Amino acid sequence: MNPELERYDEYDETRSDFSRWKGIYETWMRRKQEYSDLMKKQILSETLIFQPEKRTPILV
């Protein structure tokens, strides 16, 4: 190894950047898969029907 470059070996910034982006990518892929699975389970015709919220009247 080159003694002049040894100080750069102490902290490898690219490794921490890679780990951070890898974590973001894995989270995104996991959420995307969960969303895709949820969409496969839903019935499209029921999803498209307007369903107003059931609100309880406020009694004074």
C-alpha atoms as a PDB file:
ATOM      1  CA  MET A   1       0.000   0.000   0.000  1.00  0.00           C
ATOM      2  CA  ASN A   2       1.044   3.544  -0.594  1.00  0.00           C
ATOM      3  CA  PRO A   3       1.804   5.282   2.738  1.00  0.00           C
ATOM      4  CA  GLU A   4       0.578   8.598   1.341  1.00  0.00           C
ATOM      5  CA  LEU A   5      -2.918   7.174   0.808  1.00  0.00           C
ATOM      6  CA  GLU A   6      -3.270   5.280   4.103  1.00  0.00           C
ATOM      7  CA  ARG A   7      -5.217   8.135   5.724  1.00  0.00           C
ATOM      8  CA  TYR A   8      -8.005   7.624   3.184  1.00  0.00           C
ATOM      9  CA  ASP A   9      -8.408   3.985   4.233  1.00  0.00           C
ATOM     10  CA  GLU A  10      -9.572   4.956   7.728  1.00  0.00           C
ATOM     11  CA  TYR A  11     -13.044   5.955   6.597  1.00  0.00           C
ATOM     12  CA  ASP A  12     -14.550   4.615   3.415  1.00  0.00           C
ATOM     13  CA  GLU A  13     -17.310   7.076   2.558  1.00  0.00           C
ATOM     14  CA  THR A  14     -18.386   5.149  -0.511  1.00  0.00           C
ATOM     15  CA  ARG A  15     -19.109   2.113   1.648  1.00  0.00           C
ATOM     16  CA  SER A  16     -21.418   4.070   3.968  1.00  0.00           C
ATOM     17  CA  ASP A  17     -23.120   5.735   0.979  1.00  0.00           C
ATOM     18  CA  PHE A  18     -23.643   2.344  -0.620  1.00  0.00           C
ATOM     19  CA  SER A  19     -25.084   0.911   2.604  1.00  0.00           C
ATOM     20  CA  ARG A  20     -27.471   3.853   2.976  1.00  0.00           C
ATOM     21  CA  TRP A  21     -28.695   3.651  -0.626  1.00  0.00           C
ATOM     22  CA  LYS A  22     -28.952  -0.135  -0.434  1.00  0.00           C
ATOM     23  CA  GLY A  23     -31.204   0.237   2.602  1.00  0.00           C
ATOM     24  CA  ILE A  24     -33.380   2.797   0.818  1.00  0.00           C
ATOM     25  CA  TYR A  25     -33.620   0.551  -2.252  1.00  0.00           C
ATOM     26  CA  GLU A  26     -34.535  -2.533  -0.207  1.00  0.00           C
ATOM     27  CA  THR A  27     -37.216  -0.594   1.695  1.00  0.00           C
ATOM     28  CA  TRP A  28     -38.653   0.736  -1.573  1.00  0.00           C
ATOM     29  CA  MET A  29     -38.707  -2.733  -3.142  1.00  0.00           C
ATOM     30  CA  ARG A  30     -40.387  -4.251  -0.058  1.00  0.00           C
ATOM     31  CA  ARG A  31     -43.077  -1.536   0.007  1.00  0.00           C
ATOM     32  CA  LYS A  32     -43.608  -1.840  -3.736  1.00  0.00           C
ATOM     33  CA  GLN A  33     -44.138  -5.600  -3.365  1.00  0.00           C
ATOM     34  CA  GLU A  34     -46.575  -5.090  -0.471  1.00  0.00           C
ATOM     35  CA  TYR A  35     -48.527  -2.549  -2.571  1.00  0.00           C
ATOM     36  CA  SER A  36     -48.618  -4.898  -5.565  1.00  0.00           C
ATOM     37  CA  ASP A  37     -49.868  -7.743  -3.358  1.00  0.00           C
ATOM     38  CA  LEU A  38     -52.559  -5.477  -1.900  1.00  0.00           C
ATOM     39  CA  MET A  39     -53.713  -4.386  -5.371  1.00  0.00           C
ATOM     40  CA  LYS A  40     -54.004  -8.032  -6.474  1.00  0.00           C
ATOM     41  CA  LYS A  41     -56.279  -8.789  -3.502  1.00  0.00           C
ATOM     42  CA  GLN A  42     -58.638  -5.853  -4.058  1.00  0.00           C
ATOM     43  CA  ILE A  43     -61.640  -6.191  -6.311  1.00  0.00           C
ATOM     44  CA  LEU A  44     -61.500  -3.383  -8.865  1.00  0.00           C
ATOM     45  CA  SER A  45     -65.262  -2.898  -9.160  1.00  0.00           C
ATOM     46  CA  GLU A  46     -65.602  -2.434  -5.404  1.00  0.00           C
ATOM     47  CA  THR A  47     -62.653  -0.082  -5.303  1.00  0.00           C
ATOM     48  CA  LEU A  48     -64.137   2.212  -7.946  1.00  0.00           C
ATOM     49  CA  ILE A  49     -67.577   2.537  -6.323  1.00  0.00           C
ATOM     50  CA  PHE A  50     -67.955   5.782  -4.401  1.00  0.00           C
ATOM     51  CA  GLN A  51     -68.419   4.983  -0.765  1.00  0.00           C
ATOM     52  CA  PRO A  52     -69.233   8.053   1.325  1.00  0.00           C
ATOM     53  CA  GLU A  53     -68.038   8.118   4.889  1.00  0.00           C
ATOM     54  CA  LYS A  54     -70.535   7.187   7.541  1.00  0.00           C
ATOM     55  CA  ARG A  55     -70.628  10.143   9.891  1.00  0.00           C
ATOM     56  CA  THR A  56     -72.386  10.170  13.187  1.00  0.00           C
ATOM     57  CA  PRO A  57     -74.420  13.325  13.748  1.00  0.00           C
ATOM     58  CA  ILE A  58     -73.223  15.521  16.565  1.00  0.00           C
ATOM     59  CA  LEU A  59     -75.885  15.812  19.250  1.00  0.00           C
ATOM     60  CA  VAL A  60     -75.946  19.075  21.141  1.00  0.00           C
END
